[in-house]
Amino acid sequence: MKDQQIFNFALVLAAMITFGGIIYFAIKIVKQQTAIVVERFGKFNSIRFAGFNVIIPGIDQVVGKLSLKIRQLDVEVETKTKDDVFVRVNISVQYQIIKDSVYEAFYKLTNSRNQITSYVFDTVRAQVPTMKLDDVFVKKDEIAIAIKQELELAMQTYGYQIIKALVTDIDPDQEVKRSMNQINAAERMKVAAEFEAEAERIKIVAKAKADAESKKLQGQGTADQRREIAKGLEQSVEMLNKVGIGSQEASSLIVITQHYDTLQSMGENANSNVVLLPNSPSTASDMMTNLIASLTTAEQITKVKDTKPSAK
């Protein structure tokens, strides 16, 4: 009787352990942004997503687990431009599995990264050789768009969605970069020289305008001064004529007066080194006589030219 009870207890315990093991293996917890592929007797059965899932131990089998998160693949492609410059183009591709296409992602494609890399190589080597090096830098967004479009068409069949394709770096050969830097430096020096020359030209033009304006004003001042002197002389001669002094004597008197005024001005400056030669009282009179004689001769020559008949 006692042996029978022990046997029954052991049987119940074994059944509980077996049942617990079955429950343990039947329960499958799937994490967020994850999908598992379940096969039954080696044939596809279902796709299970995040949460509590039950599978039949010994009948169902989890054959794959796929992440639904966005992933990034960095690809470096070495190729040649249209102007025969070798460059390394770095591409970053962001992609993820489409939730409704987990079956295609698992069964149709063995290695998604290798597949994407192949399409990136193909697209870059088809685009870059048609461009010059400068155009590759300018049109890198166009290259990225072409890569994304090509990948979308190809990878959608395999259950993958292309989120973004970016050209992150364009790296020419070191010698090419050195040459480009030299060209840029020379271009900047050329522009700087042009600006400097333009600034110098503006300074020269401004100085020339200022000198011209100064000389113009100086000439106007000299003309005004001589005009006033002439008016003063005219008034002086008129006043001397009123007291009975002839025009010639008045002119001589004015010249002598100006002569002595000049001597007085020179004497007032103690540091002056100017010596006026000749410096005799008759000098002013001689100057006036010579001036009158010159004017008389010039007047006579003019009258002879006016009376001479013109040649026909």
Protein backbone atom coordinates (compact mmCIF):
# COMPACT_ATOMS: atom_id res chain seq x y z
CA MET A 1 0.00 0.00 0.00
CA LYS A 2 2.79 2.35 0.94
CA ASP A 3 4.77 1.47 -2.17
CA GLN A 4 1.73 2.23 -4.31
CA GLN A 5 1.43 5.71 -2.82
CA ILE A 6 5.09 6.46 -3.48
CA PHE A 7 4.69 5.32 -7.06
CA ASN A 8 1.64 7.50 -7.57
CA PHE A 9 3.42 10.51 -6.10
CA ALA A 10 6.41 9.99 -8.35
CA LEU A 11 4.12 9.63 -11.35
CA VAL A 12 2.34 12.88 -10.55
CA LEU A 13 5.65 14.65 -9.97
CA ALA A 14 7.01 13.43 -13.30
CA ALA A 15 3.85 14.55 -15.05
CA MET A 16 4.12 17.99 -13.50
CA ILE A 17 7.77 18.32 -14.48
CA THR A 18 6.99 17.18 -17.99
CA PHE A 19 4.06 19.56 -18.28
CA GLY A 20 6.14 22.42 -16.86
CA GLY A 21 8.87 21.70 -19.36
CA ILE A 22 6.35 21.67 -22.18
CA ILE A 23 4.91 24.99 -20.98
CA TYR A 24 8.42 26.45 -20.67
CA PHE A 25 9.40 25.50 -24.19
CA ALA A 26 6.00 26.44 -25.60
CA ILE A 27 6.13 30.03 -24.35
CA LYS A 28 8.14 32.44 -26.49
CA ILE A 29 8.60 36.11 -25.52
CA VAL A 30 9.52 38.31 -28.51
CA LYS A 31 11.14 41.69 -27.81
CA GLN A 32 10.00 45.03 -29.24
CA GLN A 33 11.00 45.77 -32.88
CA THR A 34 11.77 42.09 -33.45
CA ALA A 35 10.12 39.35 -35.51
CA ILE A 36 10.67 35.58 -35.42
CA VAL A 37 10.03 33.06 -38.19
CA VAL A 38 8.31 29.82 -37.13
CA GLU A 39 8.33 26.64 -39.18
CA ARG A 40 6.24 23.50 -38.56
CA PHE A 41 7.77 20.22 -39.64
CA GLY A 42 10.30 22.16 -41.73
CA LYS A 43 7.69 24.22 -43.53
CA PHE A 44 6.97 27.92 -43.00
CA ASN A 45 4.19 28.37 -40.49
CA SER A 46 4.00 31.97 -39.25
CA ILE A 47 5.69 35.24 -38.35
CA ARG A 48 5.50 36.24 -34.68
CA PHE A 49 6.00 39.80 -33.44
CA ALA A 50 6.69 41.48 -30.08
CA GLY A 51 4.89 40.07 -27.03
CA PHE A 52 3.74 36.67 -25.64
CA ASN A 53 3.73 33.84 -28.19
CA VAL A 54 3.06 30.09 -27.89
CA ILE A 55 4.64 27.45 -30.10
CA ILE A 56 4.24 23.68 -29.98
CA PRO A 57 7.45 22.06 -28.78
CA GLY A 58 8.71 19.32 -31.05
CA ILE A 59 6.37 20.44 -33.82
CA ASP A 60 7.07 24.15 -34.26
CA GLN A 61 10.57 25.55 -34.51
CA VAL A 62 11.93 29.13 -34.48
CA VAL A 63 14.25 29.25 -37.48
CA GLY A 64 15.04 32.95 -37.59
CA LYS A 65 14.94 36.21 -35.66
CA LEU A 66 14.97 39.52 -37.53
CA SER A 67 15.37 43.07 -36.20
CA LEU A 68 12.86 45.65 -37.44
CA LYS A 69 15.02 48.58 -36.31
CA ILE A 70 16.64 51.00 -38.73
CA ARG A 71 20.20 49.92 -39.47
CA GLN A 72 23.06 51.70 -41.16
CA LEU A 73 25.59 50.35 -43.63
CA ASP A 74 28.75 52.32 -44.51
CA VAL A 75 30.27 51.60 -47.91
CA GLU A 76 33.51 52.96 -49.36
CA VAL A 77 33.72 52.93 -53.15
CA GLU A 78 36.90 53.70 -55.08
CA THR A 79 36.29 54.90 -58.61
CA LYS A 80 37.57 57.31 -61.28
CA THR A 81 36.10 60.60 -62.44
CA LYS A 82 35.70 61.83 -66.00
CA ASP A 83 38.97 63.79 -65.75
CA ASP A 84 40.86 60.64 -64.66
CA VAL A 85 41.09 61.37 -60.93
CA PHE A 86 40.75 58.44 -58.53
CA VAL A 87 38.48 59.18 -55.58
CA ARG A 88 37.09 57.27 -52.62
CA VAL A 89 33.41 57.94 -52.09
CA ASN A 90 31.95 57.07 -48.69
CA ILE A 91 28.23 56.20 -48.68
CA SER A 92 25.96 55.66 -45.68
CA VAL A 93 22.74 53.74 -46.31
CA GLN A 94 19.97 53.57 -43.69
CA TYR A 95 17.53 50.71 -44.19
CA GLN A 96 15.08 48.48 -42.34
CA ILE A 97 12.89 45.43 -42.91
CA ILE A 98 9.31 46.17 -43.88
CA LYS A 99 7.05 44.70 -41.18
CA ASP A 100 4.69 43.15 -43.69
CA SER A 101 7.56 41.67 -45.71
CA VAL A 102 9.48 39.70 -43.08
CA TYR A 103 8.90 36.49 -45.08
CA GLU A 104 10.62 37.95 -48.16
CA ALA A 105 13.47 39.42 -46.06
CA PHE A 106 14.16 36.01 -44.49
CA TYR A 107 13.61 33.58 -47.33
CA LYS A 108 14.55 35.59 -50.45
CA LEU A 109 17.81 37.16 -49.35
CA THR A 110 20.72 35.48 -47.61
CA ASN A 111 22.88 38.55 -46.82
CA SER A 112 21.22 41.94 -47.07
CA ARG A 113 24.42 43.91 -46.35
CA ASN A 114 26.31 42.31 -49.22
CA GLN A 115 23.38 42.89 -51.54
CA ILE A 116 23.11 46.59 -50.63
CA THR A 117 26.89 47.01 -50.96
CA SER A 118 26.79 45.55 -54.47
CA TYR A 119 24.07 47.96 -55.60
CA VAL A 120 25.92 50.93 -54.06
CA PHE A 121 29.12 50.00 -55.92
CA ASP A 122 27.21 49.59 -59.17
CA THR A 123 25.41 52.95 -58.87
CA VAL A 124 28.44 54.98 -57.79
CA ARG A 125 30.63 53.54 -60.53
CA ALA A 126 27.94 54.35 -63.07
CA GLN A 127 27.47 57.97 -61.88
CA VAL A 128 30.90 59.29 -60.89
CA PRO A 129 32.82 58.41 -64.11
CA THR A 130 30.46 60.71 -66.03
CA MET A 131 31.42 63.72 -63.85
CA LYS A 132 34.54 65.82 -63.41
CA LEU A 133 36.03 66.00 -59.93
CA ASP A 134 34.56 69.43 -59.17
CA ASP A 135 31.13 68.21 -60.28
CA VAL A 136 31.35 65.22 -57.94
CA PHE A 137 31.61 67.61 -54.98
CA VAL A 138 28.85 69.86 -56.29
CA LYS A 139 26.46 67.07 -57.27
CA LYS A 140 26.96 64.67 -54.37
CA ASP A 141 23.27 65.04 -53.46
CA GLU A 142 22.36 63.84 -56.95
CA ILE A 143 24.60 60.80 -56.44
CA ALA A 144 22.89 60.07 -53.12
CA ILE A 145 19.42 60.34 -54.73
CA ALA A 146 20.45 58.00 -57.54
CA ILE A 147 21.71 55.44 -55.00
CA LYS A 148 18.49 55.63 -52.98
CA GLN A 149 16.31 55.22 -56.06
CA GLU A 150 18.33 52.24 -57.29
CA LEU A 151 18.26 50.54 -53.90
CA GLU A 152 14.54 51.13 -53.43
CA LEU A 153 13.71 49.41 -56.69
CA ALA A 154 15.97 46.47 -55.96
CA MET A 155 15.55 45.93 -52.22
CA GLN A 156 11.78 46.31 -52.01
CA THR A 157 11.49 42.92 -53.69
CA TYR A 158 13.43 41.45 -50.78
CA GLY A 159 11.32 43.13 -48.12
CA TYR A 160 13.67 46.01 -47.32
CA GLN A 161 12.89 49.72 -47.17
CA ILE A 162 15.64 52.30 -47.89
CA ILE A 163 15.26 55.21 -45.47
CA LYS A 164 18.16 57.40 -46.56
CA ALA A 165 21.32 57.33 -48.65
CA LEU A 166 24.03 59.89 -47.94
CA VAL A 167 27.37 60.72 -49.54
CA THR A 168 29.37 61.40 -46.37
CA ASP A 169 32.81 61.98 -47.85
CA ILE A 170 34.65 62.39 -51.15
CA ASP A 171 38.36 61.78 -50.78
CA PRO A 172 40.63 62.31 -53.82
CA ASP A 173 44.24 61.20 -53.99
CA GLN A 174 46.69 63.18 -51.81
CA GLU A 175 48.49 64.66 -54.81
CA VAL A 176 45.20 65.82 -56.26
CA LYS A 177 44.19 67.44 -52.98
CA ARG A 178 47.56 69.18 -52.78
CA SER A 179 47.12 70.50 -56.32
CA MET A 180 43.59 71.66 -55.57
CA ASN A 181 44.81 73.51 -52.48
CA GLN A 182 47.53 75.19 -54.54
CA ILE A 183 44.98 76.23 -57.17
CA ASN A 184 42.67 77.62 -54.51
CA ALA A 185 45.55 79.48 -52.86
CA ALA A 186 46.64 80.95 -56.21
CA GLU A 187 43.06 81.96 -56.97
CA ARG A 188 42.74 83.71 -53.61
CA MET A 189 46.06 85.49 -54.17
CA LYS A 190 44.87 86.61 -57.59
CA VAL A 191 41.64 87.99 -56.15
CA ALA A 192 43.58 89.70 -53.35
CA ALA A 193 45.94 91.27 -55.91
CA GLU A 194 42.98 92.49 -57.98
CA PHE A 195 41.39 94.07 -54.91
CA GLU A 196 44.70 95.65 -53.92
CA ALA A 197 45.23 97.03 -57.44
CA GLU A 198 41.68 98.38 -57.49
CA ALA A 199 42.21 100.04 -54.12
CA GLU A 200 45.48 101.59 -55.36
CA ARG A 201 43.75 102.80 -58.54
CA ILE A 202 41.00 104.41 -56.48
CA LYS A 203 43.61 106.14 -54.32
CA ILE A 204 45.49 107.42 -57.38
CA VAL A 205 42.29 108.66 -59.04
CA ALA A 206 41.15 110.32 -55.83
CA LYS A 207 44.55 111.98 -55.39
CA ALA A 208 44.55 113.15 -59.02
CA LYS A 209 41.07 114.60 -58.61
CA ALA A 210 42.13 116.32 -55.41
CA ASP A 211 45.24 117.77 -57.11
CA ALA A 212 43.19 118.93 -60.07
CA GLU A 213 40.65 120.56 -57.79
CA SER A 214 43.44 122.16 -55.76
CA LYS A 215 45.12 123.55 -58.88
CA LYS A 216 41.78 124.76 -60.17
CA LEU A 217 41.10 126.60 -56.93
CA GLN A 218 44.69 127.87 -56.86
CA GLY A 219 44.30 129.18 -60.39
CA GLN A 220 41.02 130.86 -59.52
CA GLY A 221 42.68 132.40 -56.48
CA THR A 222 45.60 133.67 -58.54
CA ALA A 223 43.25 135.08 -61.17
CA ASP A 224 41.18 136.80 -58.49
CA GLN A 225 44.34 138.18 -56.90
CA ARG A 226 45.64 139.58 -60.19
CA ARG A 227 42.22 141.01 -60.96
CA GLU A 228 42.15 142.85 -57.68
CA ILE A 229 45.73 144.05 -58.19
CA ALA A 230 44.77 145.36 -61.64
CA LYS A 231 41.77 147.18 -60.15
CA GLY A 232 43.98 148.68 -57.49
CA LEU A 233 46.54 149.84 -60.04
CA GLU A 234 43.78 151.32 -62.18
CA GLN A 235 42.42 153.25 -59.23
CA SER A 236 45.91 154.44 -58.28
CA VAL A 237 46.59 155.72 -61.81
CA GLU A 238 43.23 157.54 -61.88
CA MET A 239 43.98 159.22 -58.56
CA LEU A 240 47.47 160.31 -59.74
CA ASN A 241 45.99 161.62 -63.01
CA LYS A 242 43.62 163.81 -61.00
CA VAL A 243 46.58 165.60 -59.36
CA GLY A 244 48.30 166.22 -62.69
CA ILE A 245 50.62 163.20 -62.91
CA GLY A 246 50.65 161.55 -66.33
CA SER A 247 49.92 157.87 -66.88
CA GLN A 248 53.57 157.02 -67.63
CA GLU A 249 54.88 158.82 -64.55
CA ALA A 250 52.12 157.26 -62.45
CA SER A 251 53.01 153.80 -63.68
CA SER A 252 56.68 154.41 -62.88
CA LEU A 253 55.76 155.64 -59.41
CA ILE A 254 53.65 152.55 -58.77
CA VAL A 255 56.42 150.21 -59.95
CA ILE A 256 58.96 151.98 -57.70
CA THR A 257 56.54 151.74 -54.78
CA GLN A 258 55.98 148.00 -55.36
CA HIS A 259 59.78 147.56 -55.61
CA TYR A 260 60.38 149.09 -52.22
CA ASP A 261 57.41 147.24 -50.68
CA THR A 262 59.02 144.02 -51.81
CA LEU A 263 62.35 145.02 -50.25
CA GLN A 264 60.57 145.88 -47.04
CA SER A 265 58.78 142.48 -46.94
CA MET A 266 62.07 140.67 -47.46
CA GLY A 267 63.71 142.69 -44.72
CA GLU A 268 61.02 141.84 -42.19
CA ASN A 269 61.99 138.15 -42.34
CA ALA A 270 65.19 137.73 -40.38
CA ASN A 271 65.73 134.20 -41.65
CA SER A 272 65.40 135.08 -45.34
CA ASN A 273 68.36 134.19 -47.56
CA VAL A 274 66.94 135.88 -50.70
CA VAL A 275 69.00 138.62 -52.33
CA LEU A 276 67.28 140.86 -54.91
CA LEU A 277 69.62 141.82 -57.79
CA PRO A 278 69.99 144.46 -59.07
CA ASN A 279 68.97 146.51 -56.02
CA SER A 280 69.27 150.16 -57.04
CA PRO A 281 66.59 152.91 -57.25
CA SER A 282 66.97 153.04 -61.02
CA THR A 283 66.03 149.37 -61.37
CA ALA A 284 62.31 149.99 -61.16
CA SER A 285 62.49 152.81 -63.69
CA ASP A 286 64.50 150.67 -66.10
CA MET A 287 61.98 147.84 -65.76
CA MET A 288 59.14 150.24 -66.53
CA THR A 289 60.99 151.72 -69.54
CA ASN A 290 61.68 148.28 -70.98
CA LEU A 291 58.07 147.22 -70.41
CA ILE A 292 56.70 150.33 -72.18
CA ALA A 293 59.13 149.85 -75.08
CA SER A 294 58.05 146.20 -75.46
CA LEU A 295 54.38 147.10 -75.45
CA THR A 296 54.94 149.89 -78.01
CA THR A 297 56.86 147.56 -80.34
CA ALA A 298 54.19 144.88 -80.05
CA GLU A 299 51.49 147.45 -80.85
CA GLN A 300 53.34 148.64 -83.97
CA ILE A 301 53.83 145.06 -85.21
CA THR A 302 50.12 144.42 -84.79
CA LYS A 303 49.22 147.57 -86.79
CA VAL A 304 51.56 146.52 -89.65
CA LYS A 305 49.96 143.07 -89.84
CA ASP A 306 46.48 144.61 -89.89
CA THR A 307 47.35 147.02 -92.77
CA LYS A 308 49.21 144.44 -94.88
CA PRO A 309 46.98 143.14 -97.73
CA SER A 310 46.12 139.47 -97.46
CA ALA A 311 47.43 137.07 -100.16
CA LYS A 312 44.82 135.81 -102.59
